[in-house]
Amino acid sequence: MLRLPQGKPKEEKEVRKMNKLISRAVIGVMLVLVALPVFGQVKVVPKLPQVPAKIKEIPKLTMPDLMVERFSINSSYGVSVGSQMEYPVSMTIKNAGNAPTQGTIYLVFQYYNNSTGRWDCDRTRSHAIAVNRVLAPGQQVTISGKLRINKAIISDATLRVRVMVDSACFEEFPPQNGYIQEVNENNNYSNEVTLSGGYRPNVVSISSNRVIKGEEIIYISGTGFGKQNPLRTVVIENDGVKVRALVTSWSSGVIYFKVPNEAKNGPSYVYIADSSTLNPLSSVMNVLVVEKKNLVWNSLVDVFNLIGGAFQIKLHTWSGSSNYLNQSKIIPPFGGEQPLEVPNVEFKTAVGHYRFLINDFKTFGPSSSQSGFEMSRQGCAPNQVKLILRFESEGKELIGYYKVLGPAGQWRRAGAPDIEVDNATITILFQFYDAGNGRLDYTAAASFDGRINASGKAWDDIMDFFMPDWDNKVKREISKGVRQAINMPDVRQNIIDSLLMAVRMQLGLNANNVITAWQFDNTGIKVTFY
């Protein structure tokens, strides 16, 4: 203890405070000494947390875990199938989990998109490979299949391809992690394989199945055509003969071209080919190669006028009595004799019925000094031609019969005149047209002209009195009869055959040439054929 200073209150107070602290320290030391063991050492034992009697273990997940260990493409054995290429592929898949798989395992192909920097899934269900087997834990299996790629994707391109196991991306609303729940959903992708597809164009359509060579531009369309390249061309092939098309425009999906004049006519193939060998590189399209030739009207008219003497018409409906007996006929320049169905010339007046039967009314024949035939284009439309027929004037051309009104009437010669026709002509106006697929057809109108006289002036006066304009009625009836006769199917075909014969002669076409189209203008006829 410290001694208290005398007479110094401030110092005394400080000493007292120090003595109090010393006393407390001494007491603390004594307590420690009392607690010491006999060996004189102090051992401090830390207090540990209380350990429970039993710790619960975390349960292990029991699920499969699918992965692709190896993926390969045999690009050397790619084959063309329609619009696609098919390549053999092999994939080894493994279940690295601790539970077997359940249900179908789908393997889906993915392609790297250079534009987006992402992998695109092939969402075509039929392109996915289905594995219908259970994989036990640790089991692996090698699967073979086909990689199907649209030619538009693979043609002239290099692709990065991989496989994803347990993918359902072909579904409209695919589950995020496929059909099978796995321990690890992030290891389902295979290694990448680089696939070079080569040039794989696919022609799917042609703009027309018929083309006029040297004239029309047509096009083929499809996929994977690529850019125009000197190594490639378009070929037209007919019976083993190949010619290069005249390409006017080339893009990845459409090629426009003309067929050159040196190409053979007829059914042909069109395809993209190797420029050096002309061997096909694409699928083929069928096309009919045709040719067009022009025949000027003057040439055709001259031919018919040259042989016009061979064209004859005879109108005869008189049986020798009042009975109608048609013996009319037409003899065209080419072809045999053809009957003409000429109706009665008959009309009713206030005093009775009149019937006029035609008696050997015919055109001038080949031995006549006059031509009975003339073809003309004067005043005609582009598809029209006139045929002018001139008739002989010998004797009585129409034999007349009369019958009184009422049921008791009988046909008799008395009461009706015979009619003479002088300077008679029948003008037939043919209007030709293409009836489809190169079939030529026509419509025809006929007009009759000439001087008509009853046999004697007295009869002229009687006819004029009882039937004004009777002569024009006779003309109209004859015109009507000729028009109907010319438009009869058999006569029509005979006349068309005659025209076809003349056209073929002028254009140098033989019997094997097939005409596919007719066009008419003021200069002539355009004939398309092969």
Protein backbone atom coordinates (compact mmCIF):
# COMPACT_ATOMS: atom_id res chain seq x y z
CA MET A 1 0.00 0.00 0.00
CA LEU A 2 1.19 3.57 -0.60
CA ARG A 3 1.78 6.02 2.27
CA LEU A 4 -0.62 8.95 2.42
CA PRO A 5 1.11 12.35 2.04
CA GLN A 6 0.40 14.74 4.91
CA GLY A 7 -1.09 18.14 4.33
CA LYS A 8 -1.68 17.65 0.69
CA PRO A 9 -5.36 16.86 0.04
CA LYS A 10 -5.12 16.52 -3.75
CA GLU A 11 -2.23 14.07 -3.68
CA GLU A 12 -3.91 12.20 -0.81
CA LYS A 13 -6.99 11.62 -2.94
CA GLU A 14 -4.94 10.18 -5.81
CA VAL A 15 -3.06 7.84 -3.47
CA ARG A 16 -6.29 6.53 -1.99
CA LYS A 17 -7.58 5.72 -5.52
CA MET A 18 -4.40 3.82 -6.35
CA ASN A 19 -4.55 1.83 -3.09
CA LYS A 20 -8.11 0.74 -3.93
CA LEU A 21 -7.01 -0.59 -7.33
CA ILE A 22 -4.08 -2.44 -5.76
CA SER A 23 -6.40 -4.12 -3.26
CA ARG A 24 -8.67 -5.38 -6.01
CA ALA A 25 -5.72 -6.78 -7.94
CA VAL A 26 -4.38 -8.65 -4.92
CA ILE A 27 -7.76 -10.25 -4.29
CA GLY A 28 -7.93 -11.43 -7.91
CA VAL A 29 -4.48 -13.02 -7.75
CA MET A 30 -5.37 -14.88 -4.59
CA LEU A 31 -8.50 -16.33 -6.14
CA VAL A 32 -6.46 -17.64 -9.09
CA LEU A 33 -3.94 -19.23 -6.78
CA VAL A 34 -6.68 -20.99 -4.86
CA ALA A 35 -8.00 -22.52 -8.11
CA LEU A 36 -4.60 -23.93 -9.25
CA PRO A 37 -4.14 -27.77 -9.16
CA VAL A 38 -1.34 -29.28 -7.20
CA PHE A 39 0.81 -29.46 -10.31
CA GLY A 40 0.76 -25.72 -10.57
CA GLN A 41 -0.63 -25.57 -14.17
CA VAL A 42 -3.78 -23.89 -15.51
CA LYS A 43 -5.68 -25.76 -18.29
CA VAL A 44 -8.27 -23.85 -20.31
CA VAL A 45 -10.91 -26.20 -21.85
CA PRO A 46 -12.91 -24.66 -24.75
CA LYS A 47 -16.66 -25.14 -24.74
CA LEU A 48 -17.77 -27.21 -27.87
CA PRO A 49 -21.23 -27.01 -29.48
CA GLN A 50 -23.59 -29.76 -28.54
CA VAL A 51 -23.63 -32.58 -31.23
CA PRO A 52 -27.03 -34.08 -31.99
CA ALA A 53 -27.40 -37.78 -31.61
CA LYS A 54 -28.05 -38.45 -35.45
CA ILE A 55 -27.42 -36.37 -38.70
CA LYS A 56 -29.94 -36.78 -41.67
CA GLU A 57 -28.27 -37.59 -45.07
CA ILE A 58 -29.21 -35.57 -48.25
CA PRO A 59 -31.14 -37.96 -50.60
CA LYS A 60 -29.49 -38.80 -54.01
CA LEU A 61 -31.38 -37.98 -57.34
CA THR A 62 -32.36 -41.11 -59.25
CA MET A 63 -32.73 -40.03 -62.93
CA PRO A 64 -31.22 -40.81 -66.31
CA ASP A 65 -28.70 -38.47 -67.93
CA LEU A 66 -28.50 -38.65 -71.73
CA MET A 67 -25.52 -37.49 -73.73
CA VAL A 68 -24.11 -37.91 -77.27
CA GLU A 69 -20.64 -39.39 -77.13
CA ARG A 70 -19.92 -39.40 -80.86
CA PHE A 71 -21.57 -38.06 -84.04
CA SER A 72 -20.36 -38.58 -87.64
CA ILE A 73 -21.67 -37.96 -91.20
CA ASN A 74 -20.64 -40.05 -94.19
CA SER A 75 -20.72 -37.20 -96.71
CA SER A 76 -19.27 -39.36 -99.50
CA TYR A 77 -22.52 -41.31 -99.74
CA GLY A 78 -24.97 -38.43 -99.98
CA VAL A 79 -27.81 -39.09 -102.42
CA SER A 80 -30.31 -36.78 -104.08
CA VAL A 81 -33.95 -37.48 -103.23
CA GLY A 82 -36.29 -34.94 -104.79
CA SER A 83 -35.70 -31.56 -103.19
CA GLN A 84 -33.43 -33.02 -100.49
CA MET A 85 -30.04 -34.55 -99.96
CA GLU A 86 -29.76 -37.61 -97.70
CA TYR A 87 -26.53 -38.47 -95.87
CA PRO A 88 -25.83 -41.58 -93.72
CA VAL A 89 -25.12 -40.63 -90.10
CA SER A 90 -23.98 -42.48 -86.97
CA MET A 91 -24.49 -41.41 -83.34
CA THR A 92 -23.47 -43.03 -80.07
CA ILE A 93 -25.69 -42.04 -77.14
CA LYS A 94 -25.16 -42.93 -73.49
CA ASN A 95 -27.20 -42.91 -70.31
CA ALA A 96 -24.77 -41.44 -67.77
CA GLY A 97 -27.44 -41.28 -65.06
CA ASN A 98 -28.40 -43.72 -62.33
CA ALA A 99 -31.86 -44.64 -63.63
CA PRO A 100 -33.08 -46.21 -66.87
CA THR A 101 -34.76 -44.15 -69.57
CA GLN A 102 -38.45 -44.36 -70.26
CA GLY A 103 -40.26 -43.63 -73.53
CA THR A 104 -38.94 -42.70 -76.97
CA ILE A 105 -35.65 -40.84 -77.24
CA TYR A 106 -35.54 -38.34 -80.13
CA LEU A 107 -32.34 -37.24 -81.84
CA VAL A 108 -32.72 -33.91 -83.65
CA PHE A 109 -30.23 -32.20 -85.96
CA GLN A 110 -29.15 -28.59 -85.52
CA TYR A 111 -27.42 -26.22 -87.95
CA TYR A 112 -25.30 -23.22 -87.09
CA ASN A 113 -26.72 -19.98 -88.47
CA ASN A 114 -23.87 -17.67 -89.40
CA SER A 115 -26.21 -14.72 -89.67
CA THR A 116 -27.61 -14.96 -86.15
CA GLY A 117 -24.71 -16.75 -84.44
CA ARG A 118 -27.13 -19.35 -83.06
CA TRP A 119 -27.94 -23.00 -83.62
CA ASP A 120 -31.18 -23.61 -85.51
CA CYS A 121 -33.13 -26.77 -84.87
CA ASP A 122 -34.56 -28.85 -87.73
CA ARG A 123 -38.23 -28.68 -86.79
CA THR A 124 -39.40 -31.26 -89.33
CA ARG A 125 -40.69 -34.18 -87.29
CA SER A 126 -39.94 -36.74 -89.99
CA HIS A 127 -36.26 -35.68 -89.96
CA ALA A 128 -35.85 -36.59 -86.27
CA ILE A 129 -34.46 -40.05 -85.42
CA ALA A 130 -36.50 -41.98 -82.86
CA VAL A 131 -34.85 -44.50 -80.51
CA ASN A 132 -37.52 -46.84 -79.12
CA ARG A 133 -35.52 -48.68 -76.49
CA VAL A 134 -34.65 -48.44 -72.81
CA LEU A 135 -31.13 -47.42 -71.85
CA ALA A 136 -30.00 -48.73 -68.49
CA PRO A 137 -27.65 -46.64 -66.32
CA GLY A 138 -24.22 -46.57 -67.94
CA GLN A 139 -25.48 -48.21 -71.14
CA GLN A 140 -24.57 -46.75 -74.54
CA VAL A 141 -25.84 -47.57 -78.02
CA THR A 142 -24.84 -46.59 -81.57
CA ILE A 143 -27.66 -45.44 -83.83
CA SER A 144 -27.58 -45.21 -87.64
CA GLY A 145 -29.90 -42.98 -89.61
CA LYS A 146 -30.23 -40.35 -92.32
CA LEU A 147 -29.58 -36.65 -92.26
CA ARG A 148 -32.09 -34.99 -94.61
CA ILE A 149 -31.27 -31.46 -95.77
CA ASN A 150 -33.08 -29.26 -98.25
CA LYS A 151 -30.89 -28.69 -101.30
CA ALA A 152 -31.50 -24.97 -101.00
CA ILE A 153 -29.55 -25.08 -97.71
CA ILE A 154 -26.74 -27.41 -98.66
CA SER A 155 -26.14 -26.45 -102.30
CA ASP A 156 -22.84 -24.64 -102.74
CA ALA A 157 -22.56 -24.28 -98.94
CA THR A 158 -20.61 -25.58 -95.94
CA LEU A 159 -22.65 -26.34 -92.82
CA ARG A 160 -21.82 -26.91 -89.16
CA VAL A 161 -24.05 -29.72 -87.92
CA ARG A 162 -24.61 -31.27 -84.51
CA VAL A 163 -27.14 -33.57 -82.83
CA MET A 164 -29.23 -32.94 -79.74
CA VAL A 165 -30.53 -35.92 -77.80
CA ASP A 166 -33.97 -35.79 -76.14
CA SER A 167 -35.18 -32.80 -78.14
CA ALA A 168 -38.81 -31.99 -78.89
CA CYS A 169 -38.26 -28.86 -80.96
CA PHE A 170 -40.46 -30.24 -83.75
CA GLU A 171 -43.51 -29.81 -81.51
CA GLU A 172 -45.64 -26.71 -81.88
CA PHE A 173 -45.14 -25.99 -78.19
CA PRO A 174 -42.03 -28.02 -77.30
CA PRO A 175 -41.23 -28.78 -73.65
CA GLN A 176 -38.11 -26.87 -72.64
CA ASN A 177 -36.12 -29.93 -71.53
CA GLY A 178 -37.49 -32.55 -73.91
CA TYR A 179 -39.58 -35.55 -72.97
CA ILE A 180 -37.20 -37.17 -70.45
CA GLN A 181 -36.33 -35.56 -67.12
CA GLU A 182 -32.57 -35.79 -66.58
CA VAL A 183 -30.01 -35.10 -63.91
CA ASN A 184 -28.20 -32.69 -66.24
CA GLU A 185 -30.12 -30.99 -69.05
CA ASN A 186 -27.07 -29.12 -70.36
CA ASN A 187 -25.02 -31.97 -71.81
CA ASN A 188 -27.36 -33.17 -74.60
CA TYR A 189 -25.31 -31.82 -77.55
CA SER A 190 -22.91 -33.77 -79.72
CA ASN A 191 -19.65 -32.75 -81.29
CA GLU A 192 -19.84 -30.54 -84.40
CA VAL A 193 -19.38 -31.94 -87.90
CA THR A 194 -18.63 -29.76 -90.92
CA LEU A 195 -20.54 -30.81 -94.04
CA SER A 196 -19.74 -29.51 -97.54
CA GLY A 197 -22.74 -30.15 -99.75
CA GLY A 198 -21.30 -29.35 -103.16
CA TYR A 199 -23.55 -28.02 -105.92
CA ARG A 200 -27.05 -29.41 -105.39
CA PRO A 201 -29.58 -27.52 -107.55
CA ASN A 202 -33.18 -28.70 -107.48
CA VAL A 203 -35.46 -27.77 -110.38
CA VAL A 204 -39.10 -28.00 -109.33
CA SER A 205 -41.07 -26.28 -112.11
CA ILE A 206 -40.94 -24.79 -115.59
CA SER A 207 -42.95 -21.76 -116.69
CA SER A 208 -44.34 -23.43 -119.82
CA ASN A 209 -44.47 -27.00 -121.07
CA ARG A 210 -44.11 -25.73 -124.64
CA VAL A 211 -41.55 -23.29 -126.01
CA ILE A 212 -41.00 -21.80 -129.46
CA LYS A 213 -37.29 -22.11 -130.09
CA GLY A 214 -35.36 -18.97 -130.96
CA GLU A 215 -38.30 -16.80 -129.93
CA GLU A 216 -39.84 -17.32 -126.49
CA ILE A 217 -38.14 -16.80 -123.13
CA ILE A 218 -39.16 -19.27 -120.45
CA TYR A 219 -37.77 -20.03 -117.00
CA ILE A 220 -37.14 -22.85 -114.58
CA SER A 221 -37.56 -22.33 -110.85
CA GLY A 222 -36.38 -24.21 -107.80
CA THR A 223 -33.70 -23.99 -105.12
CA GLY A 224 -29.94 -24.07 -104.83
CA PHE A 225 -29.15 -22.70 -108.30
CA GLY A 226 -26.48 -20.41 -106.89
CA LYS A 227 -24.98 -17.55 -108.87
CA GLN A 228 -24.28 -17.72 -112.59
CA ASN A 229 -21.01 -19.55 -113.08
CA PRO A 230 -19.06 -20.46 -116.25
CA LEU A 231 -18.87 -24.00 -114.91
CA ARG A 232 -22.65 -24.44 -115.19
CA THR A 233 -25.22 -24.07 -117.93
CA VAL A 234 -28.79 -24.98 -118.85
CA VAL A 235 -29.19 -27.82 -121.34
CA ILE A 236 -32.03 -28.87 -123.63
CA GLU A 237 -31.83 -32.56 -124.54
CA ASN A 238 -33.82 -34.42 -127.19
CA ASP A 239 -33.12 -38.03 -128.10
CA GLY A 240 -29.56 -37.78 -126.78
CA VAL A 241 -28.80 -34.52 -128.61
CA LYS A 242 -27.83 -31.79 -126.13
CA VAL A 243 -27.63 -28.05 -126.76
CA ARG A 244 -26.88 -25.16 -124.43
CA ALA A 245 -29.72 -22.77 -123.69
CA LEU A 246 -29.30 -19.04 -124.22
CA VAL A 247 -29.45 -17.87 -120.59
CA THR A 248 -30.75 -14.32 -120.12
CA SER A 249 -30.91 -14.22 -116.30
CA TRP A 250 -29.66 -16.48 -113.47
CA SER A 251 -30.47 -16.26 -109.76
CA SER A 252 -30.49 -18.74 -106.89
CA GLY A 253 -34.12 -19.69 -107.53
CA VAL A 254 -34.96 -18.74 -111.14
CA ILE A 255 -33.17 -19.06 -114.49
CA TYR A 256 -34.55 -17.38 -117.64
CA PHE A 257 -33.47 -18.68 -121.05
CA LYS A 258 -34.24 -19.17 -124.73
CA VAL A 259 -34.04 -22.44 -126.62
CA PRO A 260 -31.63 -21.93 -129.56
CA ASN A 261 -32.69 -22.60 -133.14
CA GLU A 262 -30.31 -25.55 -133.45
CA ALA A 263 -32.25 -27.52 -130.81
CA LYS A 264 -34.25 -30.47 -132.10
CA ASN A 265 -38.01 -30.13 -132.23
CA GLY A 266 -40.18 -32.36 -130.09
CA PRO A 267 -40.44 -33.61 -126.50
CA SER A 268 -37.25 -32.63 -124.64
CA TYR A 269 -35.64 -32.38 -121.21
CA VAL A 270 -34.39 -29.21 -119.50
CA TYR A 271 -31.86 -29.29 -116.66
CA ILE A 272 -28.83 -27.56 -115.15
CA ALA A 273 -25.65 -29.22 -116.36
CA ASP A 274 -21.89 -29.19 -116.09
CA SER A 275 -20.57 -26.83 -118.77
CA SER A 276 -17.74 -29.08 -119.86
CA THR A 277 -19.57 -32.43 -120.03
CA LEU A 278 -23.20 -31.26 -120.30
CA ASN A 279 -24.03 -33.98 -117.78
CA PRO A 280 -27.04 -33.22 -115.53
CA LEU A 281 -26.48 -31.61 -112.15
CA SER A 282 -30.15 -31.14 -111.29
CA SER A 283 -33.51 -32.78 -111.64
CA VAL A 284 -35.07 -32.48 -115.11
CA MET A 285 -38.21 -30.85 -116.50
CA ASN A 286 -40.16 -31.88 -119.59
CA VAL A 287 -40.73 -29.34 -122.35
CA LEU A 288 -42.03 -29.53 -125.91
CA VAL A 289 -39.70 -27.66 -128.25
CA VAL A 290 -41.60 -26.30 -131.25
CA GLU A 291 -40.78 -24.17 -134.26
CA LYS A 292 -42.73 -21.37 -135.87
CA LYS A 293 -42.83 -20.65 -139.60
CA ASN A 294 -44.66 -17.93 -141.49
CA LEU A 295 -46.64 -18.51 -144.65
CA VAL A 296 -47.65 -15.31 -146.42
CA TRP A 297 -51.20 -15.18 -147.66
CA ASN A 298 -50.16 -14.47 -151.26
CA SER A 299 -48.25 -17.76 -151.45
CA LEU A 300 -51.21 -19.74 -150.19
CA VAL A 301 -53.67 -17.92 -152.45
CA ASP A 302 -51.43 -18.50 -155.46
CA VAL A 303 -51.23 -22.23 -154.73
CA PHE A 304 -55.00 -22.58 -154.52
CA ASN A 305 -55.58 -20.49 -157.61
CA LEU A 306 -53.05 -22.61 -159.45
CA ILE A 307 -54.89 -25.81 -158.61
CA GLY A 308 -58.32 -24.21 -158.41
CA GLY A 309 -59.57 -26.04 -161.48
CA ALA A 310 -59.65 -29.18 -159.39
CA PHE A 311 -62.15 -27.63 -157.01
CA GLN A 312 -65.73 -28.25 -158.16
CA ILE A 313 -69.22 -27.98 -156.76
CA LYS A 314 -72.31 -29.53 -158.27
CA LEU A 315 -75.76 -28.65 -156.94
CA HIS A 316 -78.48 -31.11 -157.98
CA THR A 317 -81.69 -31.89 -156.10
CA TRP A 318 -84.08 -32.76 -158.98
CA SER A 319 -85.17 -36.35 -159.24
CA GLY A 320 -86.89 -35.88 -162.59
CA SER A 321 -90.18 -35.33 -160.80
CA SER A 322 -91.45 -33.09 -158.00
CA ASN A 323 -89.67 -35.26 -155.43
CA TYR A 324 -86.55 -33.87 -153.74
CA LEU A 325 -83.49 -36.06 -154.35
CA ASN A 326 -80.20 -34.54 -153.32
CA GLN A 327 -77.24 -35.54 -155.50
CA SER A 328 -75.08 -32.50 -154.78
CA LYS A 329 -71.36 -32.91 -154.19
CA ILE A 330 -68.09 -31.05 -153.66
CA ILE A 331 -64.72 -32.07 -155.09
CA PRO A 332 -61.91 -30.22 -153.20
CA PRO A 333 -58.38 -29.88 -154.65
CA PHE A 334 -57.05 -32.49 -152.22
CA GLY A 335 -59.17 -35.40 -151.18
CA GLY A 336 -62.08 -37.31 -152.57
CA GLU A 337 -65.59 -36.39 -153.61
CA GLN A 338 -67.86 -35.37 -150.74
CA PRO A 339 -71.70 -35.19 -150.72
CA LEU A 340 -73.28 -31.79 -150.10
CA GLU A 341 -76.51 -31.61 -148.15
CA VAL A 342 -78.43 -28.92 -150.05
CA PRO A 343 -81.99 -28.27 -148.81
CA ASN A 344 -85.12 -27.57 -150.85
CA VAL A 345 -85.67 -24.14 -152.33
CA GLU A 346 -89.29 -23.72 -151.36
CA PHE A 347 -91.59 -20.91 -150.20
CA LYS A 348 -95.25 -20.08 -149.73
CA THR A 349 -97.25 -17.28 -151.37
CA ALA A 350 -100.82 -16.06 -151.14
CA VAL A 351 -101.83 -18.22 -154.08
CA GLY A 352 -99.90 -21.41 -153.38
CA HIS A 353 -96.63 -23.19 -152.71
CA TYR A 354 -93.59 -23.04 -154.99
CA ARG A 355 -90.76 -25.55 -155.06
CA PHE A 356 -87.65 -25.15 -157.18
CA LEU A 357 -85.40 -28.16 -157.55
CA ILE A 358 -81.82 -27.56 -158.68
CA ASN A 359 -80.86 -29.16 -161.96
CA ASP A 360 -77.15 -29.88 -162.50
CA PHE A 361 -75.99 -26.45 -161.40
CA LYS A 362 -72.19 -26.72 -161.31
CA THR A 363 -68.97 -24.75 -161.43
CA PHE A 364 -66.80 -24.56 -164.50
CA GLY A 365 -64.68 -27.70 -164.79
CA PRO A 366 -60.94 -28.13 -165.50
CA SER A 367 -61.54 -28.39 -169.26
CA SER A 368 -63.51 -25.16 -169.39
CA SER A 369 -62.02 -21.98 -170.80
CA GLN A 370 -63.18 -20.17 -167.68
CA SER A 371 -61.96 -20.78 -164.13
CA GLY A 372 -64.63 -21.93 -161.76
CA PHE A 373 -62.49 -21.18 -158.69
CA GLU A 374 -60.79 -18.14 -157.23
CA MET A 375 -59.34 -17.49 -153.78
CA SER A 376 -59.06 -13.88 -152.64
CA ARG A 377 -58.08 -11.91 -149.55
CA GLN A 378 -59.60 -8.64 -150.66
CA GLY A 379 -61.62 -7.00 -147.88
CA CYS A 380 -60.92 -9.84 -145.44
CA ALA A 381 -60.03 -9.83 -141.75
CA PRO A 382 -56.64 -11.32 -140.71
CA ASN A 383 -58.07 -14.84 -140.38
CA GLN A 384 -60.44 -14.75 -143.36
CA VAL A 385 -60.24 -15.81 -146.98
CA LYS A 386 -62.81 -15.72 -149.77
CA LEU A 387 -63.57 -18.58 -152.09
CA ILE A 388 -65.37 -17.41 -155.25
CA LEU A 389 -67.08 -20.15 -157.28
CA ARG A 390 -68.33 -19.45 -160.82
CA PHE A 391 -71.12 -21.56 -162.29
CA GLU A 392 -71.95 -22.62 -165.81
CA SER A 393 -75.08 -21.19 -167.40
CA GLU A 394 -76.59 -23.96 -169.49
CA GLY A 395 -80.29 -24.68 -169.79
CA LYS A 396 -82.65 -24.41 -166.88
CA GLU A 397 -80.92 -24.46 -163.49
CA LEU A 398 -84.07 -24.59 -161.32
CA ILE A 399 -87.10 -26.74 -162.17
CA GLY A 400 -90.31 -25.27 -160.75
CA TYR A 401 -93.33 -27.01 -159.17
CA TYR A 402 -96.54 -25.54 -157.84
CA LYS A 403 -99.12 -26.75 -155.33
CA VAL A 404 -102.38 -25.05 -154.43
CA LEU A 405 -103.11 -24.23 -150.82
CA GLY A 406 -105.01 -26.74 -148.76
CA PRO A 407 -104.75 -30.47 -148.07
CA ALA A 408 -105.91 -31.45 -151.54
CA GLY A 409 -103.01 -29.73 -153.28
CA GLN A 410 -100.63 -31.78 -155.40
CA TRP A 411 -97.26 -30.78 -156.78
CA ARG A 412 -97.42 -30.22 -160.51
CA ARG A 413 -95.35 -28.57 -163.18
CA ALA A 414 -98.20 -26.43 -164.41
CA GLY A 415 -98.42 -23.15 -162.57
CA ALA A 416 -94.71 -22.80 -161.82
CA PRO A 417 -91.93 -21.49 -164.04
CA ASP A 418 -88.48 -22.91 -164.51
CA ILE A 419 -85.65 -20.55 -163.65
CA GLU A 420 -82.50 -19.76 -165.56
CA VAL A 421 -79.42 -18.46 -163.75
CA ASP A 422 -76.78 -16.56 -165.69
CA ASN A 423 -73.33 -15.37 -164.52
CA ALA A 424 -73.87 -17.12 -161.19
CA THR A 425 -71.26 -16.95 -158.45
CA ILE A 426 -71.21 -18.22 -154.90
CA THR A 427 -68.80 -16.44 -152.58
CA ILE A 428 -67.88 -18.45 -149.47
CA LEU A 429 -66.21 -16.47 -146.69
CA PHE A 430 -64.09 -18.76 -144.51
CA GLN A 431 -63.07 -17.55 -141.06
CA PHE A 432 -60.36 -19.82 -139.69
CA TYR A 433 -59.35 -20.26 -136.04
CA ASP A 434 -57.26 -22.49 -133.82
CA ALA A 435 -59.67 -24.81 -132.01
CA GLY A 436 -56.97 -25.83 -129.52
CA ASN A 437 -53.83 -27.98 -129.62
CA GLY A 438 -53.22 -27.03 -133.24
CA ARG A 439 -56.58 -28.20 -134.56
CA LEU A 440 -57.68 -25.94 -137.39
CA ASP A 441 -61.36 -25.12 -137.81
CA TYR A 442 -63.55 -22.53 -139.49
CA THR A 443 -66.95 -20.95 -139.80
CA ALA A 444 -68.28 -20.21 -143.28
CA ALA A 445 -70.85 -17.86 -144.75
CA ALA A 446 -72.10 -18.04 -148.34
CA SER A 447 -73.67 -15.49 -150.64
CA PHE A 448 -75.18 -16.20 -154.06
CA ASP A 449 -75.20 -13.73 -156.92
CA GLY A 450 -76.27 -13.86 -160.56
CA ARG A 451 -79.05 -12.92 -162.95
CA ILE A 452 -82.22 -14.91 -162.27
CA ASN A 453 -84.98 -15.09 -164.84
CA ALA A 454 -88.15 -17.09 -165.07
CA SER A 455 -88.58 -19.03 -168.29
CA GLY A 456 -90.22 -16.30 -170.32
CA LYS A 457 -91.19 -12.70 -169.68
CA ALA A 458 -94.77 -13.64 -168.87
CA TRP A 459 -93.60 -15.77 -165.99
CA ASP A 460 -91.34 -13.00 -164.77
CA ASP A 461 -94.35 -10.70 -164.63
CA ILE A 462 -96.51 -13.30 -162.90
CA MET A 463 -93.84 -14.04 -160.29
CA ASP A 464 -93.23 -10.35 -159.70
CA PHE A 465 -96.96 -9.81 -159.22
CA PHE A 466 -97.70 -12.68 -156.84
CA MET A 467 -94.33 -12.77 -155.07
CA PRO A 468 -92.42 -9.49 -155.15
CA ASP A 469 -88.66 -9.91 -154.70
CA TRP A 470 -88.95 -13.58 -155.59
CA ASP A 471 -85.59 -13.62 -157.36
CA ASN A 472 -83.77 -12.42 -154.22
CA LYS A 473 -85.59 -15.04 -152.19
CA VAL A 474 -84.27 -17.68 -154.54
CA LYS A 475 -80.75 -16.30 -154.11
CA ARG A 476 -81.09 -16.35 -150.33
CA GLU A 477 -82.36 -19.91 -150.34
CA ILE A 478 -79.47 -21.08 -152.51
CA SER A 479 -77.00 -19.20 -150.29
CA LYS A 480 -78.53 -20.78 -147.20
CA GLY A 481 -78.28 -24.24 -148.70
CA VAL A 482 -74.65 -23.82 -149.71
CA ARG A 483 -73.74 -22.37 -146.29
CA GLN A 484 -75.31 -25.32 -144.50
CA ALA A 485 -73.59 -27.75 -146.82
CA ILE A 486 -70.13 -26.17 -146.43
CA ASN A 487 -70.45 -26.31 -142.62
CA MET A 488 -71.36 -30.00 -142.48
CA PRO A 489 -68.72 -31.95 -140.46
CA ASP A 490 -67.55 -34.19 -143.31
CA VAL A 491 -67.32 -31.33 -145.79
CA ARG A 492 -65.60 -29.16 -143.19
CA GLN A 493 -62.93 -31.78 -142.58
CA ASN A 494 -62.39 -32.24 -146.31
CA ILE A 495 -61.85 -28.53 -146.84
CA ILE A 496 -59.54 -28.28 -143.82
CA ASP A 497 -57.50 -31.23 -145.08
CA SER A 498 -57.11 -29.44 -148.41
CA LEU A 499 -55.85 -26.31 -146.69
CA LEU A 500 -53.49 -28.33 -144.48
CA MET A 501 -52.07 -30.07 -147.53
CA ALA A 502 -51.33 -26.74 -149.19
CA VAL A 503 -49.76 -25.30 -146.02
CA ARG A 504 -47.52 -28.33 -145.54
CA MET A 505 -46.38 -28.15 -149.15
CA GLN A 506 -45.49 -24.48 -148.84
CA LEU A 507 -43.65 -24.84 -145.50
CA GLY A 508 -41.92 -28.11 -146.32
CA LEU A 509 -43.61 -30.05 -143.52
CA ASN A 510 -43.97 -33.79 -143.79
CA ALA A 511 -46.59 -36.11 -142.36
CA ASN A 512 -44.56 -36.62 -139.17
CA ASN A 513 -44.58 -32.92 -138.29
CA VAL A 514 -47.24 -32.15 -135.71
CA ILE A 515 -48.85 -28.71 -135.89
CA THR A 516 -49.53 -27.33 -132.41
CA ALA A 517 -50.82 -23.81 -133.06
CA TRP A 518 -52.17 -21.47 -135.74
CA GLN A 519 -52.01 -17.70 -135.78
CA PHE A 520 -53.38 -15.35 -138.41
CA ASP A 521 -52.59 -11.76 -139.30
CA ASN A 522 -52.79 -9.56 -142.36
CA THR A 523 -49.46 -10.82 -143.69
CA GLY A 524 -50.16 -14.52 -143.45
CA ILE A 525 -50.41 -17.63 -141.31
CA LYS A 526 -47.97 -18.46 -138.51
CA VAL A 527 -47.73 -22.21 -138.01
CA THR A 528 -46.16 -23.68 -134.87
CA PHE A 529 -45.06 -27.31 -135.14
CA TYR A 530 -42.53 -29.93 -134.14
